[in-house]
Amino acid sequence: MSAHLSDELKALLDTPVFISVATIQPDGSPQVSPVWVKRDGDDVLFSTTVGRRKEKNLRRDPRVTVLLQPFDAPYSYAEIRGTAELTAEGGQELIDELSVKYTGKKYAEFNPSSADDAERVVVRVRARKVVGRI
């Protein structure tokens, strides 16, 4: 069963707020990464590259938690628990869109060394449960 994001949470995800993504390591321990984010309806999207720890973790076990905590409202937060789907389709377009959202520049301009990056993937998180104070 999927959960719906509140209008307030959707509005925050549409701003350049950072999220922390928690995945499950092979030994069962957590792995957490801060990432840029965008929203597609009630889904949360972020980008990573093939071979990174979070990509490997999500391919092995798609359970994921996303934590949003606005820097200007430290006592507000939303935890989005769900399942991740990964695809290479649209990977480069997403990182460029996110880079413009957060830096005002295409990703290659913001991070010139990105030419050496592995293939980009889109991670789509489908919310199962949302908890928090937003």
Protein backbone atom coordinates (compact mmCIF):
# COMPACT_ATOMS: atom_id res chain seq x y z
CA MET A 1 0.00 0.00 0.00
CA SER A 2 1.40 3.40 -0.91
CA ALA A 3 1.29 6.56 1.17
CA HIS A 4 0.50 10.05 -0.02
CA LEU A 5 2.73 13.04 0.68
CA SER A 6 1.09 16.05 2.30
CA ASP A 7 0.90 19.29 0.36
CA GLU A 8 3.41 20.83 2.82
CA LEU A 9 5.86 17.99 2.26
CA LYS A 10 5.45 18.21 -1.52
CA ALA A 11 6.13 21.95 -1.38
CA LEU A 12 9.34 21.36 0.61
CA LEU A 13 10.53 18.66 -1.78
CA ASP A 14 10.07 21.13 -4.62
CA THR A 15 12.62 23.48 -2.98
CA PRO A 16 16.39 22.86 -2.86
CA VAL A 17 16.16 20.95 0.42
CA PHE A 18 18.60 18.11 1.01
CA ILE A 19 17.46 14.65 2.01
CA SER A 20 19.34 11.85 3.73
CA VAL A 21 18.86 8.43 2.16
CA ALA A 22 19.26 5.36 4.37
CA THR A 23 19.92 1.98 2.74
CA ILE A 24 20.77 -1.43 4.18
CA GLN A 25 24.33 -2.75 3.96
CA PRO A 26 24.98 -6.44 3.20
CA ASP A 27 25.70 -7.01 6.92
CA GLY A 28 22.38 -5.38 7.90
CA SER A 29 23.87 -2.12 9.15
CA PRO A 30 22.58 1.23 7.87
CA GLN A 31 24.29 3.39 5.25
CA VAL A 32 23.21 7.05 4.97
CA SER A 33 23.95 9.60 2.22
CA PRO A 34 22.84 13.22 1.75
CA VAL A 35 21.49 13.83 -1.76
CA TRP A 36 19.64 16.29 -3.97
CA VAL A 37 15.99 15.46 -4.54
CA LYS A 38 12.97 16.10 -6.73
CA ARG A 39 9.38 14.95 -6.54
CA ASP A 40 7.19 13.27 -9.13
CA GLY A 41 3.68 13.16 -7.70
CA ASP A 42 4.01 11.22 -4.45
CA ASP A 43 7.32 9.65 -5.49
CA VAL A 44 10.74 10.93 -4.42
CA LEU A 45 13.53 10.86 -7.03
CA PHE A 46 17.28 11.18 -6.62
CA SER A 47 20.34 10.34 -8.67
CA THR A 48 23.33 8.12 -8.05
CA THR A 49 25.89 6.28 -10.15
CA VAL A 50 26.33 2.59 -10.86
CA GLY A 51 28.76 1.10 -8.38
CA ARG A 52 28.16 3.46 -5.49
CA ARG A 53 27.32 1.84 -2.17
CA LYS A 54 23.71 3.09 -2.12
CA GLU A 55 23.12 1.81 -5.66
CA LYS A 56 24.50 -1.63 -4.75
CA ASN A 57 22.48 -1.72 -1.53
CA LEU A 58 19.24 -0.76 -3.26
CA ARG A 59 19.66 -3.34 -6.02
CA ARG A 60 20.17 -6.02 -3.38
CA ASP A 61 17.45 -4.77 -0.99
CA PRO A 62 15.12 -2.01 -2.27
CA ARG A 63 13.88 -0.99 1.19
CA VAL A 64 14.82 2.64 1.81
CA THR A 65 14.16 5.51 4.18
CA VAL A 66 14.39 9.16 3.14
CA LEU A 67 14.71 11.82 5.82
CA LEU A 68 13.93 15.44 5.03
CA GLN A 69 14.85 18.07 7.62
CA PRO A 70 14.73 21.70 6.49
CA PHE A 71 17.85 23.61 7.55
CA ASP A 72 15.74 26.60 8.62
CA ALA A 73 13.27 24.50 10.67
CA PRO A 74 15.41 21.97 12.56
CA TYR A 75 12.51 20.66 14.64
CA SER A 76 10.49 19.80 11.55
CA TYR A 77 11.14 16.60 9.66
CA ALA A 78 9.55 13.94 7.52
CA GLU A 79 10.63 10.33 7.27
CA ILE A 80 9.49 8.61 4.10
CA ARG A 81 9.77 4.83 4.24
CA GLY A 82 9.39 2.94 1.03
CA THR A 83 10.77 0.89 -1.80
CA ALA A 84 13.23 2.02 -4.44
CA GLU A 85 13.13 1.32 -8.17
CA LEU A 86 16.28 2.00 -10.21
CA THR A 87 16.58 2.76 -13.89
CA ALA A 88 19.29 4.18 -16.15
CA GLU A 89 16.64 5.79 -18.34
CA GLY A 90 16.75 9.55 -17.76
CA GLY A 91 19.76 9.33 -15.45
CA GLN A 92 21.80 12.12 -17.03
CA GLU A 93 18.74 14.33 -17.48
CA LEU A 94 17.84 13.99 -13.80
CA ILE A 95 21.30 14.92 -12.50
CA ASP A 96 21.33 17.95 -14.80
CA GLU A 97 17.86 19.01 -13.60
CA LEU A 98 18.88 18.57 -9.96
CA SER A 99 22.13 20.43 -10.46
CA VAL A 100 20.29 23.42 -11.96
CA LYS A 101 17.80 23.32 -9.07
CA TYR A 102 20.55 23.34 -6.42
CA THR A 103 23.45 25.21 -8.06
CA GLY A 104 22.03 27.06 -11.05
CA LYS A 105 24.40 25.15 -13.36
CA LYS A 106 24.32 21.94 -15.41
CA TYR A 107 26.08 19.11 -13.61
CA ALA A 108 29.18 19.11 -15.85
CA GLU A 109 29.65 22.84 -15.13
CA PHE A 110 29.15 22.41 -11.38
CA ASN A 111 31.33 19.28 -11.18
CA PRO A 112 33.81 19.21 -14.10
CA SER A 113 35.27 15.90 -12.89
CA SER A 114 31.87 14.25 -13.47
CA ALA A 115 32.99 13.26 -16.97
CA ASP A 116 34.74 10.34 -15.24
CA ASP A 117 31.55 9.26 -13.41
CA ALA A 118 29.99 5.86 -14.00
CA GLU A 119 26.54 5.61 -15.60
CA ARG A 120 23.87 7.66 -13.82
CA VAL A 121 20.71 6.02 -12.51
CA VAL A 122 17.39 7.43 -11.34
CA VAL A 123 16.20 6.14 -7.98
CA ARG A 124 12.42 6.40 -7.56
CA VAL A 125 11.17 5.93 -3.99
CA ARG A 126 7.56 4.90 -3.67
CA ALA A 127 6.36 5.89 -0.20
CA ARG A 128 4.86 3.17 1.96
CA LYS A 129 4.65 5.25 5.13
CA VAL A 130 5.31 8.89 6.01
CA VAL A 131 5.91 10.04 9.59
CA GLY A 132 7.11 13.30 11.07
CA ARG A 133 6.23 16.88 11.89
CA ILE A 134 5.80 18.74 8.60
